[in-house]
């Protein structure tokens, strides 16, 4: 007899039927919750992917807008301000825009011209005279530079991932203080800059800070440049003051008397050598 027939047990079919019924009962009890869990997990996964795509798209758009504003090399401070406000917390767009804004303000203060002022390439003069800044307006731009740089410093200081922006903000704040002849305040900013550069292992920036600290003493001896009102007017036109001419001690200095004596010794060019000499003889 076949061995398979000896292994047949009585009631084996009923036991298999009971197992199948238990499995069916399990599915009836848990299939719906399991399906719901799977659907929720799939929905969460799809939602996370969607949000990530939206985040990347927003970053790309923000960088595109920033690049479009600075593309011509002469951006508007208001445009940069708008980009920074609209992209607060989007990567580092706000910090990039504000630092560029600070540079525009510092450039306006240094040149004495409105940001975006047009210069004639031939005459190298300002196309629109209204773009020439008054002293009060220049100082206002310097205050704009300080407040904007402080915004960058406040949003990045202490964040290791944004240390480079912190250092750039400190460098610009030091420049503001130098422009005001506040050299002790400038030194403080440069010292903070050097400390962060050393901690973040930026040796070139640390060297820059140390060099600027050394040069502060020489800057103290440089007087302020004359403003427009201090420049004398010559013949109805404005001219820059002339630097005094130093005479060399090696060359003799001629007095007015020496000059007159030298001129008297010059022969009269109207007398000709061919003119006959007169005598007393008849």
C-alpha atoms as a PDB file:
ATOM      1  CA  UNK A   1       0.000   0.000   0.000  1.00  0.00           C
ATOM      2  CA  UNK A   2       1.159   3.485  -0.812  1.00  0.00           C
ATOM      3  CA  UNK A   3       2.737   5.270   2.174  1.00  0.00           C
ATOM      4  CA  UNK A   4       0.579   8.329   1.507  1.00  0.00           C
ATOM      5  CA  UNK A   5      -2.489   6.378   2.375  1.00  0.00           C
ATOM      6  CA  UNK A   6      -1.076   5.422   5.790  1.00  0.00           C
ATOM      7  CA  UNK A   7      -0.676   9.122   6.659  1.00  0.00           C
ATOM      8  CA  UNK A   8      -4.312   9.987   6.181  1.00  0.00           C
ATOM      9  CA  UNK A   9      -5.825  11.068   9.454  1.00  0.00           C
ATOM     10  CA  UNK A  10      -9.380  11.161  10.375  1.00  0.00           C
ATOM     11  CA  UNK A  11     -10.779  14.697  10.574  1.00  0.00           C
ATOM     12  CA  UNK A  12      -7.831  16.257   8.750  1.00  0.00           C
ATOM     13  CA  UNK A  13     -10.175  17.998   6.327  1.00  0.00           C
ATOM     14  CA  UNK A  14     -12.148  19.591   9.120  1.00  0.00           C
ATOM     15  CA  UNK A  15      -8.936  20.972  10.676  1.00  0.00           C
ATOM     16  CA  UNK A  16      -7.809  22.513   7.380  1.00  0.00           C
ATOM     17  CA  UNK A  17     -11.227  23.997   6.958  1.00  0.00           C
ATOM     18  CA  UNK A  18     -11.006  25.545  10.433  1.00  0.00           C
ATOM     19  CA  UNK A  19      -7.604  27.121   9.634  1.00  0.00           C
ATOM     20  CA  UNK A  20      -8.942  28.612   6.409  1.00  0.00           C
ATOM     21  CA  UNK A  21     -11.915  30.019   8.269  1.00  0.00           C
ATOM     22  CA  UNK A  22      -9.647  31.643  10.857  1.00  0.00           C
ATOM     23  CA  UNK A  23      -7.642  33.293   8.067  1.00  0.00           C
ATOM     24  CA  UNK A  24     -10.853  34.552   6.481  1.00  0.00           C
ATOM     25  CA  UNK A  25     -11.993  35.924   9.811  1.00  0.00           C
ATOM     26  CA  UNK A  26      -8.601  37.645  10.278  1.00  0.00           C
ATOM     27  CA  UNK A  27      -8.885  39.307   6.891  1.00  0.00           C
ATOM     28  CA  UNK A  28     -12.445  40.394   7.579  1.00  0.00           C
ATOM     29  CA  UNK A  29     -11.353  41.922  10.866  1.00  0.00           C
ATOM     30  CA  UNK A  30      -8.065  43.612   9.881  1.00  0.00           C
ATOM     31  CA  UNK A  31      -8.081  44.093   6.111  1.00  0.00           C
ATOM     32  CA  UNK A  32      -9.895  47.426   6.242  1.00  0.00           C
ATOM     33  CA  UNK A  33      -7.621  49.028   8.900  1.00  0.00           C
ATOM     34  CA  UNK A  34      -4.514  47.689   7.149  1.00  0.00           C
ATOM     35  CA  UNK A  35      -5.685  49.106   3.840  1.00  0.00           C
ATOM     36  CA  UNK A  36      -6.384  52.444   5.467  1.00  0.00           C
ATOM     37  CA  UNK A  37      -2.909  52.511   7.015  1.00  0.00           C
ATOM     38  CA  UNK A  38      -1.344  51.733   3.661  1.00  0.00           C
ATOM     39  CA  UNK A  39      -3.417  54.421   1.981  1.00  0.00           C
ATOM     40  CA  UNK A  40      -2.411  56.976   4.621  1.00  0.00           C
ATOM     41  CA  UNK A  41       1.266  56.040   4.269  1.00  0.00           C
ATOM     42  CA  UNK A  42       1.038  56.380   0.498  1.00  0.00           C
ATOM     43  CA  UNK A  43      -0.700  59.739   0.886  1.00  0.00           C
ATOM     44  CA  UNK A  44       1.948  60.999   3.291  1.00  0.00           C
ATOM     45  CA  UNK A  45       4.703  59.866   0.951  1.00  0.00           C
ATOM     46  CA  UNK A  46       3.050  61.591  -2.007  1.00  0.00           C
ATOM     47  CA  UNK A  47       2.477  64.738   0.052  1.00  0.00           C
ATOM     48  CA  UNK A  48       6.099  64.888   1.185  1.00  0.00           C
ATOM     49  CA  UNK A  49       7.291  64.529  -2.382  1.00  0.00           C
ATOM     50  CA  UNK A  50       4.912  67.271  -3.478  1.00  0.00           C
ATOM     51  CA  UNK A  51       6.104  69.644  -0.750  1.00  0.00           C
ATOM     52  CA  UNK A  52       9.724  68.915  -1.603  1.00  0.00           C
ATOM     53  CA  UNK A  53       9.076  69.689  -5.266  1.00  0.00           C
ATOM     54  CA  UNK A  54       7.347  72.916  -4.245  1.00  0.00           C
ATOM     55  CA  UNK A  55      10.258  73.844  -1.980  1.00  0.00           C
ATOM     56  CA  UNK A  56      12.812  73.234  -4.720  1.00  0.00           C
ATOM     57  CA  UNK A  57      10.700  75.188  -7.197  1.00  0.00           C
ATOM     58  CA  UNK A  58      10.497  78.118  -4.763  1.00  0.00           C
ATOM     59  CA  UNK A  59      14.264  78.094  -4.254  1.00  0.00           C
ATOM     60  CA  UNK A  60      14.868  77.992  -7.996  1.00  0.00           C
ATOM     61  CA  UNK A  61      12.444  80.861  -8.525  1.00  0.00           C
ATOM     62  CA  UNK A  62      14.045  82.922  -5.752  1.00  0.00           C
ATOM     63  CA  UNK A  63      17.534  82.457  -7.188  1.00  0.00           C
ATOM     64  CA  UNK A  64      16.237  83.271 -10.674  1.00  0.00           C
ATOM     65  CA  UNK A  65      14.687  86.516  -9.425  1.00  0.00           C
ATOM     66  CA  UNK A  66      17.868  87.442  -7.579  1.00  0.00           C
ATOM     67  CA  UNK A  67      20.059  86.729 -10.597  1.00  0.00           C
ATOM     68  CA  UNK A  68      17.711  88.734 -12.837  1.00  0.00           C
ATOM     69  CA  UNK A  69      17.941  91.777 -10.552  1.00  0.00           C
ATOM     70  CA  UNK A  70      21.755  91.799 -10.363  1.00  0.00           C
ATOM     71  CA  UNK A  71      22.318  90.726 -13.977  1.00  0.00           C
ATOM     72  CA  UNK A  72      22.994  94.239 -15.313  1.00  0.00           C
ATOM     73  CA  UNK A  73      25.456  94.998 -12.508  1.00  0.00           C
ATOM     74  CA  UNK A  74      23.475  98.027 -11.341  1.00  0.00           C
ATOM     75  CA  UNK A  75      20.545  96.721  -9.289  1.00  0.00           C
ATOM     76  CA  UNK A  76      18.057  98.820  -7.367  1.00  0.00           C
ATOM     77  CA  UNK A  77      18.181  98.726  -3.543  1.00  0.00           C
ATOM     78  CA  UNK A  78      14.379  98.553  -3.438  1.00  0.00           C
ATOM     79  CA  UNK A  79      14.369  95.481  -5.710  1.00  0.00           C
ATOM     80  CA  UNK A  80      16.887  93.722  -3.492  1.00  0.00           C
ATOM     81  CA  UNK A  81      14.888  94.691  -0.415  1.00  0.00           C
ATOM     82  CA  UNK A  82      11.734  93.160  -1.934  1.00  0.00           C
ATOM     83  CA  UNK A  83      13.519  89.911  -2.793  1.00  0.00           C
ATOM     84  CA  UNK A  84      14.904  89.646   0.739  1.00  0.00           C
ATOM     85  CA  UNK A  85      11.487  90.208   2.322  1.00  0.00           C
ATOM     86  CA  UNK A  86       9.703  87.764   0.012  1.00  0.00           C
ATOM     87  CA  UNK A  87      12.261  84.989   0.523  1.00  0.00           C
ATOM     88  CA  UNK A  88      12.903  85.158   4.248  1.00  0.00           C
ATOM     89  CA  UNK A  89      14.090  81.704   5.315  1.00  0.00           C
ATOM     90  CA  UNK A  90      14.459  80.417   1.750  1.00  0.00           C
ATOM     91  CA  UNK A  91      18.003  79.093   1.748  1.00  0.00           C
ATOM     92  CA  UNK A  92      20.198  82.221   2.011  1.00  0.00           C
ATOM     93  CA  UNK A  93      18.489  84.394  -0.576  1.00  0.00           C
ATOM     94  CA  UNK A  94      17.558  87.057   1.992  1.00  0.00           C
ATOM     95  CA  UNK A  95      21.137  87.318   3.251  1.00  0.00           C
ATOM     96  CA  UNK A  96      22.572  87.495  -0.276  1.00  0.00           C
ATOM     97  CA  UNK A  97      20.151  90.238  -1.293  1.00  0.00           C
ATOM     98  CA  UNK A  98      20.730  92.286   1.865  1.00  0.00           C
ATOM     99  CA  UNK A  99      24.520  92.082   1.604  1.00  0.00           C
ATOM    100  CA  UNK A 100      24.319  93.295  -1.994  1.00  0.00           C
ATOM    101  CA  UNK A 101      22.028  96.075  -0.782  1.00  0.00           C
ATOM    102  CA  UNK A 102      24.627  97.099   1.816  1.00  0.00           C
ATOM    103  CA  UNK A 103      27.283  97.281  -0.904  1.00  0.00           C
ATOM    104  CA  UNK A 104      25.082  99.650  -2.919  1.00  0.00           C
ATOM    105  CA  UNK A 105      24.643 101.949   0.081  1.00  0.00           C
ATOM    106  CA  UNK A 106      28.371 101.963   0.834  1.00  0.00           C
ATOM    107  CA  UNK A 107      29.145 102.656  -2.816  1.00  0.00           C
ATOM    108  CA  UNK A 108      26.687 105.564  -2.848  1.00  0.00           C
ATOM    109  CA  UNK A 109      28.314 107.027   0.260  1.00  0.00           C
ATOM    110  CA  UNK A 110      31.827 106.644  -1.145  1.00  0.00           C
ATOM    111  CA  UNK A 111      31.088 108.046  -4.613  1.00  0.00           C
ATOM    112  CA  UNK A 112      28.573 110.622  -3.454  1.00  0.00           C
ATOM    113  CA  UNK A 113      26.097 109.452  -6.096  1.00  0.00           C
ATOM    114  CA  UNK A 114      22.659 107.894  -5.993  1.00  0.00           C
ATOM    115  CA  UNK A 115      22.661 104.120  -6.589  1.00  0.00           C
ATOM    116  CA  UNK A 116      22.176 103.563 -10.300  1.00  0.00           C
ATOM    117  CA  UNK A 117      23.482 106.986 -11.319  1.00  0.00           C
ATOM    118  CA  UNK A 118      24.557 107.046 -14.966  1.00  0.00           C
ATOM    119  CA  UNK A 119      28.104 108.162 -15.851  1.00  0.00           C
ATOM    120  CA  UNK A 120      28.921 109.508 -19.309  1.00  0.00           C
ATOM    121  CA  UNK A 121      31.574 107.139 -20.710  1.00  0.00           C
ATOM    122  CA  UNK A 122      33.276 109.938 -22.653  1.00  0.00           C
ATOM    123  CA  UNK A 123      33.344 112.841 -20.208  1.00  0.00           C
ATOM    124  CA  UNK A 124      33.190 110.669 -17.075  1.00  0.00           C
ATOM    125  CA  UNK A 125      30.647 113.063 -15.591  1.00  0.00           C
ATOM    126  CA  UNK A 126      27.252 112.398 -14.044  1.00  0.00           C
ATOM    127  CA  UNK A 127      24.489 112.432 -16.636  1.00  0.00           C
ATOM    128  CA  UNK A 128      21.917 113.764 -14.195  1.00  0.00           C
ATOM    129  CA  UNK A 129      23.211 116.327 -11.696  1.00  0.00           C
ATOM    130  CA  UNK A 130      20.336 115.477  -9.354  1.00  0.00           C
ATOM    131  CA  UNK A 131      22.107 112.155  -8.680  1.00  0.00           C
ATOM    132  CA  UNK A 132      24.888 114.000  -6.828  1.00  0.00           C
ATOM    133  CA  UNK A 133      24.295 113.474  -3.118  1.00  0.00           C
ATOM    134  CA  UNK A 134      24.322 116.114  -0.436  1.00  0.00           C
ATOM    135  CA  UNK A 135      26.301 115.436   2.724  1.00  0.00           C
ATOM    136  CA  UNK A 136      23.088 114.714   4.601  1.00  0.00           C
ATOM    137  CA  UNK A 137      21.968 112.208   1.969  1.00  0.00           C
ATOM    138  CA  UNK A 138      25.375 110.490   2.006  1.00  0.00           C
ATOM    139  CA  UNK A 139      25.161 110.002   5.763  1.00  0.00           C
ATOM    140  CA  UNK A 140      21.641 108.658   5.318  1.00  0.00           C
ATOM    141  CA  UNK A 141      22.929 105.977   2.967  1.00  0.00           C
ATOM    142  CA  UNK A 142      25.618 105.123   5.512  1.00  0.00           C
ATOM    143  CA  UNK A 143      22.879 104.590   8.113  1.00  0.00           C
ATOM    144  CA  UNK A 144      20.979 102.373   5.649  1.00  0.00           C
ATOM    145  CA  UNK A 145      24.123 100.277   5.198  1.00  0.00           C
ATOM    146  CA  UNK A 146      24.531  99.857   8.946  1.00  0.00           C
ATOM    147  CA  UNK A 147      20.914  98.862   9.651  1.00  0.00           C
ATOM    148  CA  UNK A 148      20.805  96.374   6.765  1.00  0.00           C
ATOM    149  CA  UNK A 149      24.114  94.773   7.754  1.00  0.00           C
ATOM    150  CA  UNK A 150      22.810  94.413  11.300  1.00  0.00           C
ATOM    151  CA  UNK A 151      19.799  92.526   9.935  1.00  0.00           C
ATOM    152  CA  UNK A 152      22.122  90.014   8.284  1.00  0.00           C
ATOM    153  CA  UNK A 153      24.194  89.712  11.445  1.00  0.00           C
ATOM    154  CA  UNK A 154      21.114  89.103  13.606  1.00  0.00           C
ATOM    155  CA  UNK A 155      19.756  86.383  11.295  1.00  0.00           C
ATOM    156  CA  UNK A 156      23.039  84.483  10.898  1.00  0.00           C
ATOM    157  CA  UNK A 157      25.150  84.921  14.030  1.00  0.00           C
ATOM    158  CA  UNK A 158      25.552  81.656  15.895  1.00  0.00           C
ATOM    159  CA  UNK A 159      24.522  79.527  12.908  1.00  0.00           C
ATOM    160  CA  UNK A 160      27.555  77.545  11.752  1.00  0.00           C
ATOM    161  CA  UNK A 161      25.926  76.940   8.377  1.00  0.00           C
ATOM    162  CA  UNK A 162      25.725  80.694   7.795  1.00  0.00           C
ATOM    163  CA  UNK A 163      29.064  81.713   9.284  1.00  0.00           C
ATOM    164  CA  UNK A 164      30.251  83.119   5.967  1.00  0.00           C
ATOM    165  CA  UNK A 165      27.342  85.579   5.953  1.00  0.00           C
ATOM    166  CA  UNK A 166      28.079  86.548   9.558  1.00  0.00           C
ATOM    167  CA  UNK A 167      31.652  87.382   8.603  1.00  0.00           C
ATOM    168  CA  UNK A 168      30.549  89.415   5.601  1.00  0.00           C
ATOM    169  CA  UNK A 169      28.136  91.390   7.761  1.00  0.00           C
ATOM    170  CA  UNK A 170      30.891  92.123  10.317  1.00  0.00           C
ATOM    171  CA  UNK A 171      33.231  93.273   7.555  1.00  0.00           C
ATOM    172  CA  UNK A 172      30.649  95.739   6.240  1.00  0.00           C
ATOM    173  CA  UNK A 173      29.838  97.050   9.705  1.00  0.00           C
ATOM    174  CA  UNK A 174      33.559  97.695  10.204  1.00  0.00           C
ATOM    175  CA  UNK A 175      33.599  99.649   6.926  1.00  0.00           C
ATOM    176  CA  UNK A 176      30.699 101.776   8.172  1.00  0.00           C
ATOM    177  CA  UNK A 177      32.589 102.634  11.349  1.00  0.00           C
ATOM    178  CA  UNK A 178      35.731 103.444   9.374  1.00  0.00           C
ATOM    179  CA  UNK A 179      33.709 105.860   7.246  1.00  0.00           C
ATOM    180  CA  UNK A 180      32.614 107.591  10.440  1.00  0.00           C
ATOM    181  CA  UNK A 181      36.196 107.670  11.761  1.00  0.00           C
ATOM    182  CA  UNK A 182      35.109 105.428  14.635  1.00  0.00           C
ATOM    183  CA  UNK A 183      38.248 103.317  14.513  1.00  0.00           C
ATOM    184  CA  UNK A 184      37.836 101.661  17.925  1.00  0.00           C
ATOM    185  CA  UNK A 185      34.407 100.352  16.901  1.00  0.00           C
ATOM    186  CA  UNK A 186      35.847  99.188  13.583  1.00  0.00           C
ATOM    187  CA  UNK A 187      38.616  97.357  15.426  1.00  0.00           C
ATOM    188  CA  UNK A 188      36.003  95.549  17.536  1.00  0.00           C
ATOM    189  CA  UNK A 189      34.203  94.299  14.435  1.00  0.00           C
ATOM    190  CA  UNK A 190      37.472  93.163  12.830  1.00  0.00           C
ATOM    191  CA  UNK A 191      38.429  91.281  15.991  1.00  0.00           C
ATOM    192  CA  UNK A 192      35.085  89.460  15.961  1.00  0.00           C
ATOM    193  CA  UNK A 193      35.597  88.723  12.274  1.00  0.00           C
ATOM    194  CA  UNK A 194      39.043  87.259  12.917  1.00  0.00           C
ATOM    195  CA  UNK A 195      37.775  85.141  15.803  1.00  0.00           C
ATOM    196  CA  UNK A 196      34.975  83.578  13.727  1.00  0.00           C
ATOM    197  CA  UNK A 197      37.304  83.066  10.757  1.00  0.00           C
ATOM    198  CA  UNK A 198      39.746  81.202  12.973  1.00  0.00           C
ATOM    199  CA  UNK A 199      37.016  79.015  14.477  1.00  0.00           C
ATOM    200  CA  UNK A 200      35.545  78.200  11.061  1.00  0.00           C
ATOM    201  CA  UNK A 201      39.022  77.691   9.533  1.00  0.00           C
ATOM    202  CA  UNK A 202      39.058  80.547   7.030  1.00  0.00           C
ATOM    203  CA  UNK A 203      42.748  81.573   7.210  1.00  0.00           C
ATOM    204  CA  UNK A 204      42.523  84.121   4.387  1.00  0.00           C
ATOM    205  CA  UNK A 205      39.687  85.993   6.102  1.00  0.00           C
ATOM    206  CA  UNK A 206      41.571  85.904   9.413  1.00  0.00           C
ATOM    207  CA  UNK A 207      44.627  87.413   7.698  1.00  0.00           C
ATOM    208  CA  UNK A 208      42.431  90.090   6.143  1.00  0.00           C
ATOM    209  CA  UNK A 209      41.010  91.048   9.538  1.00  0.00           C
ATOM    210  CA  UNK A 210      44.457  91.224  11.128  1.00  0.00           C
ATOM    211  CA  UNK A 211      45.785  93.379   8.285  1.00  0.00           C
ATOM    212  CA  UNK A 212      42.873  95.793   8.566  1.00  0.00           C
ATOM    213  CA  UNK A 213      43.471  96.133  12.303  1.00  0.00           C
ATOM    214  CA  UNK A 214      47.117  97.019  11.617  1.00  0.00           C
ATOM    215  CA  UNK A 215      46.093  99.646   9.045  1.00  0.00           C
ATOM    216  CA  UNK A 216      43.614 101.401  11.331  1.00  0.00           C
ATOM    217  CA  UNK A 217      46.394 103.467  12.942  1.00  0.00           C
ATOM    218  CA  UNK A 218      47.468 104.850   9.583  1.00  0.00           C
ATOM    219  CA  UNK A 219      43.861 105.679   8.715  1.00  0.00           C
ATOM    220  CA  UNK A 220      43.610 107.892  11.775  1.00  0.00           C
ATOM    221  CA  UNK A 221      46.197 110.265  10.302  1.00  0.00           C
ATOM    222  CA  UNK A 222      44.249 110.768   7.089  1.00  0.00           C
ATOM    223  CA  UNK A 223      42.066 113.856   7.250  1.00  0.00           C
ATOM    224  CA  UNK A 224      38.560 114.038   5.888  1.00  0.00           C
ATOM    225  CA  UNK A 225      38.197 114.852   2.199  1.00  0.00           C
ATOM    226  CA  UNK A 226      36.772 118.324   1.432  1.00  0.00           C
ATOM    227  CA  UNK A 227      33.115 118.463   0.539  1.00  0.00           C
ATOM    228  CA  UNK A 228      31.605 120.467  -2.317  1.00  0.00           C
ATOM    229  CA  UNK A 229      31.185 123.606  -0.210  1.00  0.00           C
ATOM    230  CA  UNK A 230      34.821 123.570   0.871  1.00  0.00           C
ATOM    231  CA  UNK A 231      36.215 123.534  -2.663  1.00  0.00           C
ATOM    232  CA  UNK A 232      37.025 127.108  -3.811  1.00  0.00           C
ATOM    233  CA  UNK A 233      35.394 128.508  -6.911  1.00  0.00           C
ATOM    234  CA  UNK A 234      37.691 129.804  -9.662  1.00  0.00           C
ATOM    235  CA  UNK A 235      36.236 131.953 -12.424  1.00  0.00           C
ATOM    236  CA  UNK A 236      32.717 130.786 -11.751  1.00  0.00           C
ATOM    237  CA  UNK A 237      33.672 127.124 -12.064  1.00  0.00           C
ATOM    238  CA  UNK A 238      34.344 124.643  -9.346  1.00  0.00           C
ATOM    239  CA  UNK A 239      37.912 123.381  -9.216  1.00  0.00           C
ATOM    240  CA  UNK A 240      39.725 121.057  -6.903  1.00  0.00           C
ATOM    241  CA  UNK A 241      42.215 122.661  -4.518  1.00  0.00           C
ATOM    242  CA  UNK A 242      45.807 122.632  -5.722  1.00  0.00           C
ATOM    243  CA  UNK A 243      48.362 120.789  -3.673  1.00  0.00           C
ATOM    244  CA  UNK A 244      51.241 123.006  -2.483  1.00  0.00           C
ATOM    245  CA  UNK A 245      54.383 122.739  -4.594  1.00  0.00           C
ATOM    246  CA  UNK A 246      57.501 121.908  -2.671  1.00  0.00           C
ATOM    247  CA  UNK A 247      60.716 123.481  -3.967  1.00  0.00           C
ATOM    248  CA  UNK A 248      63.783 121.336  -4.092  1.00  0.00           C
ATOM    249  CA  UNK A 249      66.507 122.423  -1.684  1.00  0.00           C
ATOM    250  CA  UNK A 250      69.140 121.466  -4.262  1.00  0.00           C
ATOM    251  CA  UNK A 251      68.075 124.085  -6.803  1.00  0.00           C
ATOM    252  CA  UNK A 252      68.904 127.773  -6.113  1.00  0.00           C
ATOM    253  CA  UNK A 253      65.938 130.073  -5.708  1.00  0.00           C
ATOM    254  CA  UNK A 254      66.011 133.250  -7.821  1.00  0.00           C
ATOM    255  CA  UNK A 255      64.750 136.448  -6.266  1.00  0.00           C
ATOM    256  CA  UNK A 256      62.989 139.207  -8.221  1.00  0.00           C
ATOM    257  CA  UNK A 257      66.183 141.304  -8.196  1.00  0.00           C
ATOM    258  CA  UNK A 258      68.217 138.449  -9.675  1.00  0.00           C
ATOM    259  CA  UNK A 259      65.618 137.999 -12.365  1.00  0.00           C
ATOM    260  CA  UNK A 260      65.683 141.695 -13.280  1.00  0.00           C
ATOM    261  CA  UNK A 261      69.503 141.723 -13.391  1.00  0.00           C
ATOM    262  CA  UNK A 262      69.536 138.672 -15.620  1.00  0.00           C
ATOM    263  CA  UNK A 263      67.041 140.275 -17.972  1.00  0.00           C
ATOM    264  CA  UNK A 264      69.176 143.480 -18.186  1.00  0.00           C
ATOM    265  CA  UNK A 265      72.137 141.431 -19.376  1.00  0.00           C
ATOM    266  CA  UNK A 266      70.233 140.043 -22.325  1.00  0.00           C
ATOM    267  CA  UNK A 267      71.420 141.901 -25.502  1.00  0.00           C
ATOM    268  CA  UNK A 268      68.928 143.973 -27.407  1.00  0.00           C
ATOM    269  CA  UNK A 269      67.923 141.882 -30.358  1.00  0.00           C
ATOM    270  CA  UNK A 270      67.056 145.033 -32.352  1.00  0.00           C
ATOM    271  CA  UNK A 271      70.774 146.057 -32.461  1.00  0.00           C
ATOM    272  CA  UNK A 272      72.632 144.497 -35.395  1.00  0.00           C
ATOM    273  CA  UNK A 273      76.294 143.683 -35.453  1.00  0.00           C
ATOM    274  CA  UNK A 274      76.704 145.266 -38.923  1.00  0.00           C
ATOM    275  CA  UNK A 275      75.885 148.820 -37.738  1.00  0.00           C
ATOM    276  CA  UNK A 276      79.064 150.999 -38.150  1.00  0.00           C
ATOM    277  CA  UNK A 277      80.683 152.464 -35.124  1.00  0.00           C
ATOM    278  CA  UNK A 278      80.605 156.253 -34.754  1.00  0.00           C
ATOM    279  CA  UNK A 279      83.829 158.186 -34.057  1.00  0.00           C
ATOM    280  CA  UNK A 280      84.645 161.693 -32.900  1.00  0.00           C
ATOM    281  CA  UNK A 281      86.966 162.277 -35.830  1.00  0.00           C
ATOM    282  CA  UNK A 282      85.722 164.547 -38.598  1.00  0.00           C
END
